[in-house]
Amino acid sequence: MNKRSVIIAGHATSVSLEEAFWEELRRIGEARGMSLNQLVADIDAGRQGNLSSAIRLFVLTELKKACAPGVGTGGHDRVD
């Protein structure tokens, strides 16, 4: 578990997440052209419950979308 400080609405707050979640969150932010702070602020704005849980659910949802059939194949399932 790693605790990091992020800035949300101009205020620093600490968030504890496993390193795998921090890594994936950074990757998602880079793919969207967003800083980690911007991405966490967006997650914070729409969350219900605590921030660490909201981030984990966000990452899980993004990974599920990336694994969905047709993603990255022009909307068609790949057939080999």
N, C-alpha and C. Protein backbone atom coordinates (compact mmCIF):
# COMPACT_ATOMS: atom_id res chain seq x y z
N MET A 1 0.86 -1.18 0.00
CA MET A 1 0.00 0.00 0.00
C MET A 1 0.90 1.23 0.00
N ASN A 2 0.65 2.12 -0.94
CA ASN A 2 1.43 3.34 -1.05
C ASN A 2 0.53 4.55 -0.84
N LYS A 3 0.97 5.45 0.01
CA LYS A 3 0.22 6.68 0.26
C LYS A 3 0.88 7.80 -0.54
N ARG A 4 0.07 8.53 -1.29
CA ARG A 4 0.57 9.65 -2.09
C ARG A 4 -0.32 10.87 -1.84
N SER A 5 0.28 12.02 -2.06
CA SER A 5 -0.45 13.26 -1.93
C SER A 5 -0.91 13.72 -3.31
N VAL A 6 -2.17 14.08 -3.43
CA VAL A 6 -2.72 14.62 -4.67
C VAL A 6 -3.40 15.95 -4.36
N ILE A 7 -3.51 16.78 -5.37
CA ILE A 7 -4.15 18.09 -5.21
C ILE A 7 -5.53 18.04 -5.85
N ILE A 8 -6.54 18.32 -5.05
CA ILE A 8 -7.92 18.37 -5.53
C ILE A 8 -8.50 19.72 -5.13
N ALA A 9 -8.93 20.48 -6.12
CA ALA A 9 -9.51 21.82 -5.88
C ALA A 9 -8.57 22.67 -5.05
N GLY A 10 -7.27 22.57 -5.34
CA GLY A 10 -6.29 23.41 -4.66
C GLY A 10 -5.87 22.93 -3.29
N HIS A 11 -6.36 21.78 -2.85
CA HIS A 11 -6.04 21.26 -1.53
C HIS A 11 -5.36 19.90 -1.65
N ALA A 12 -4.30 19.72 -0.88
CA ALA A 12 -3.60 18.44 -0.87
C ALA A 12 -4.37 17.44 -0.01
N THR A 13 -4.46 16.23 -0.50
CA THR A 13 -5.08 15.15 0.25
C THR A 13 -4.27 13.88 0.03
N SER A 14 -4.24 13.02 1.01
CA SER A 14 -3.49 11.77 0.90
C SER A 14 -4.41 10.66 0.45
N VAL A 15 -3.89 9.82 -0.46
CA VAL A 15 -4.64 8.68 -0.97
C VAL A 15 -3.76 7.45 -0.84
N SER A 16 -4.30 6.39 -0.27
CA SER A 16 -3.58 5.13 -0.15
C SER A 16 -4.12 4.13 -1.15
N LEU A 17 -3.23 3.63 -2.02
CA LEU A 17 -3.59 2.63 -3.02
C LEU A 17 -2.43 1.66 -3.19
N GLU A 18 -2.74 0.48 -3.65
CA GLU A 18 -1.71 -0.47 -4.02
C GLU A 18 -0.97 0.07 -5.24
N GLU A 19 0.31 -0.27 -5.37
CA GLU A 19 1.13 0.25 -6.47
C GLU A 19 0.54 -0.07 -7.83
N ALA A 20 -0.07 -1.23 -7.99
CA ALA A 20 -0.67 -1.59 -9.28
C ALA A 20 -1.76 -0.58 -9.69
N PHE A 21 -2.52 -0.08 -8.72
CA PHE A 21 -3.55 0.91 -9.03
C PHE A 21 -2.92 2.25 -9.40
N TRP A 22 -1.86 2.65 -8.69
CA TRP A 22 -1.17 3.90 -9.04
C TRP A 22 -0.62 3.82 -10.45
N GLU A 23 -0.02 2.69 -10.80
CA GLU A 23 0.56 2.52 -12.14
C GLU A 23 -0.51 2.61 -13.21
N GLU A 24 -1.62 1.92 -13.01
CA GLU A 24 -2.69 1.93 -14.01
C GLU A 24 -3.35 3.30 -14.09
N LEU A 25 -3.50 3.97 -12.97
CA LEU A 25 -4.08 5.31 -12.96
C LEU A 25 -3.19 6.28 -13.75
N ARG A 26 -1.88 6.18 -13.58
CA ARG A 26 -0.95 7.01 -14.36
C ARG A 26 -1.08 6.71 -15.85
N ARG A 27 -1.18 5.42 -16.20
CA ARG A 27 -1.30 5.02 -17.59
C ARG A 27 -2.57 5.59 -18.21
N ILE A 28 -3.67 5.51 -17.49
CA ILE A 28 -4.94 6.06 -17.97
C ILE A 28 -4.83 7.57 -18.17
N GLY A 29 -4.23 8.24 -17.20
CA GLY A 29 -4.04 9.69 -17.31
C GLY A 29 -3.20 10.07 -18.52
N GLU A 30 -2.11 9.35 -18.74
CA GLU A 30 -1.26 9.61 -19.90
C GLU A 30 -2.03 9.41 -21.20
N ALA A 31 -2.81 8.35 -21.27
CA ALA A 31 -3.59 8.06 -22.47
C ALA A 31 -4.62 9.16 -22.75
N ARG A 32 -5.08 9.80 -21.70
CA ARG A 32 -6.08 10.87 -21.85
C ARG A 32 -5.45 12.25 -21.91
N GLY A 33 -4.14 12.33 -21.78
CA GLY A 33 -3.45 13.62 -21.77
C GLY A 33 -3.74 14.42 -20.52
N MET A 34 -3.93 13.72 -19.40
CA MET A 34 -4.26 14.36 -18.14
C MET A 34 -3.19 14.06 -17.10
N SER A 35 -2.98 15.01 -16.20
CA SER A 35 -2.10 14.74 -15.08
C SER A 35 -2.82 13.83 -14.08
N LEU A 36 -2.05 13.22 -13.21
CA LEU A 36 -2.63 12.38 -12.17
C LEU A 36 -3.60 13.21 -11.31
N ASN A 37 -3.22 14.43 -10.97
CA ASN A 37 -4.09 15.30 -10.17
C ASN A 37 -5.40 15.60 -10.88
N GLN A 38 -5.34 15.87 -12.20
CA GLN A 38 -6.56 16.16 -12.96
C GLN A 38 -7.48 14.94 -12.98
N LEU A 39 -6.90 13.78 -13.22
CA LEU A 39 -7.70 12.56 -13.28
C LEU A 39 -8.35 12.26 -11.93
N VAL A 40 -7.58 12.38 -10.85
CA VAL A 40 -8.13 12.13 -9.51
C VAL A 40 -9.21 13.16 -9.18
N ALA A 41 -9.02 14.40 -9.60
CA ALA A 41 -10.05 15.42 -9.35
C ALA A 41 -11.35 15.07 -10.07
N ASP A 42 -11.25 14.56 -11.30
CA ASP A 42 -12.45 14.13 -12.04
C ASP A 42 -13.14 12.98 -11.32
N ILE A 43 -12.36 12.02 -10.86
CA ILE A 43 -12.93 10.88 -10.13
C ILE A 43 -13.59 11.37 -8.85
N ASP A 44 -12.94 12.27 -8.15
CA ASP A 44 -13.46 12.82 -6.90
C ASP A 44 -14.80 13.52 -7.12
N ALA A 45 -14.93 14.23 -8.22
CA ALA A 45 -16.15 15.01 -8.48
C ALA A 45 -17.37 14.10 -8.64
N GLY A 46 -17.17 12.86 -9.11
CA GLY A 46 -18.32 12.00 -9.34
C GLY A 46 -18.44 10.84 -8.37
N ARG A 47 -17.66 10.86 -7.32
CA ARG A 47 -17.62 9.69 -6.44
C ARG A 47 -18.75 9.65 -5.43
N GLN A 48 -19.01 8.41 -5.00
CA GLN A 48 -19.88 8.15 -3.85
C GLN A 48 -19.06 7.22 -2.96
N GLY A 49 -18.80 7.60 -1.75
CA GLY A 49 -17.94 6.81 -0.88
C GLY A 49 -16.56 7.42 -0.80
N ASN A 50 -15.59 6.64 -0.30
CA ASN A 50 -14.26 7.22 -0.10
C ASN A 50 -13.47 7.25 -1.40
N LEU A 51 -12.49 8.13 -1.45
CA LEU A 51 -11.74 8.39 -2.67
C LEU A 51 -10.92 7.18 -3.12
N SER A 52 -10.27 6.50 -2.21
CA SER A 52 -9.47 5.33 -2.59
C SER A 52 -10.34 4.28 -3.27
N SER A 53 -11.50 4.02 -2.73
CA SER A 53 -12.41 3.04 -3.34
C SER A 53 -12.90 3.53 -4.69
N ALA A 54 -13.20 4.80 -4.80
CA ALA A 54 -13.66 5.36 -6.07
C ALA A 54 -12.59 5.22 -7.15
N ILE A 55 -11.33 5.43 -6.78
CA ILE A 55 -10.24 5.27 -7.74
C ILE A 55 -10.11 3.82 -8.17
N ARG A 56 -10.17 2.90 -7.22
CA ARG A 56 -10.08 1.48 -7.57
C ARG A 56 -11.21 1.07 -8.52
N LEU A 57 -12.42 1.52 -8.24
CA LEU A 57 -13.56 1.20 -9.11
C LEU A 57 -13.40 1.83 -10.49
N PHE A 58 -12.88 3.05 -10.54
CA PHE A 58 -12.62 3.71 -11.82
C PHE A 58 -11.63 2.90 -12.64
N VAL A 59 -10.51 2.50 -12.03
CA VAL A 59 -9.49 1.73 -12.73
C VAL A 59 -10.08 0.40 -13.21
N LEU A 60 -10.83 -0.27 -12.36
CA LEU A 60 -11.45 -1.54 -12.73
C LEU A 60 -12.38 -1.35 -13.93
N THR A 61 -13.20 -0.32 -13.91
CA THR A 61 -14.12 -0.04 -15.00
C THR A 61 -13.36 0.22 -16.30
N GLU A 62 -12.28 0.99 -16.23
CA GLU A 62 -11.49 1.28 -17.43
C GLU A 62 -10.84 0.02 -17.98
N LEU A 63 -10.35 -0.83 -17.11
CA LEU A 63 -9.74 -2.09 -17.56
C LEU A 63 -10.78 -3.01 -18.18
N LYS A 64 -11.97 -3.04 -17.61
CA LYS A 64 -13.05 -3.87 -18.17
C LYS A 64 -13.43 -3.36 -19.56
N LYS A 65 -13.49 -2.04 -19.74
CA LYS A 65 -13.80 -1.47 -21.05
C LYS A 65 -12.72 -1.87 -22.06
N ALA A 66 -11.48 -1.82 -21.64
CA ALA A 66 -10.37 -2.15 -22.54
C ALA A 66 -10.39 -3.62 -22.95
N CYS A 67 -10.95 -4.47 -22.11
CA CYS A 67 -11.02 -5.90 -22.39
C CYS A 67 -12.30 -6.32 -23.10
N ALA A 68 -13.22 -5.38 -23.27
CA ALA A 68 -14.51 -5.70 -23.87
C ALA A 68 -14.32 -6.12 -25.33
N PRO A 69 -15.15 -7.03 -25.82
CA PRO A 69 -15.07 -7.45 -27.21
C PRO A 69 -15.20 -6.26 -28.15
N GLY A 70 -14.37 -6.23 -29.17
CA GLY A 70 -14.44 -5.16 -30.17
C GLY A 70 -13.59 -3.96 -29.87
N VAL A 71 -13.06 -3.83 -28.66
CA VAL A 71 -12.23 -2.68 -28.33
C VAL A 71 -10.92 -2.82 -29.06
N GLY A 72 -10.55 -1.78 -29.80
CA GLY A 72 -9.29 -1.79 -30.53
C GLY A 72 -9.35 -2.60 -31.82
N THR A 73 -10.51 -3.06 -32.20
CA THR A 73 -10.64 -3.83 -33.44
C THR A 73 -11.64 -3.18 -34.37
N GLY A 74 -11.80 -1.88 -34.25
CA GLY A 74 -12.73 -1.18 -35.12
C GLY A 74 -14.18 -1.50 -34.84
N GLY A 75 -14.46 -1.97 -33.62
CA GLY A 75 -15.83 -2.27 -33.25
C GLY A 75 -16.26 -3.68 -33.61
N HIS A 76 -15.33 -4.48 -34.12
CA HIS A 76 -15.66 -5.85 -34.51
C HIS A 76 -14.81 -6.83 -33.72
N ASP A 77 -15.41 -7.91 -33.32
CA ASP A 77 -14.64 -8.95 -32.66
C ASP A 77 -13.67 -9.55 -33.66
N ARG A 78 -12.50 -9.84 -33.18
CA ARG A 78 -11.48 -10.42 -34.03
C ARG A 78 -11.69 -11.92 -34.15
N VAL A 79 -11.61 -12.41 -35.35
CA VAL A 79 -11.74 -13.84 -35.58
C VAL A 79 -10.47 -14.32 -36.27
N ASP A 80 -9.80 -15.28 -35.66
CA ASP A 80 -8.56 -15.81 -36.25
C ASP A 80 -8.84 -17.10 -36.98
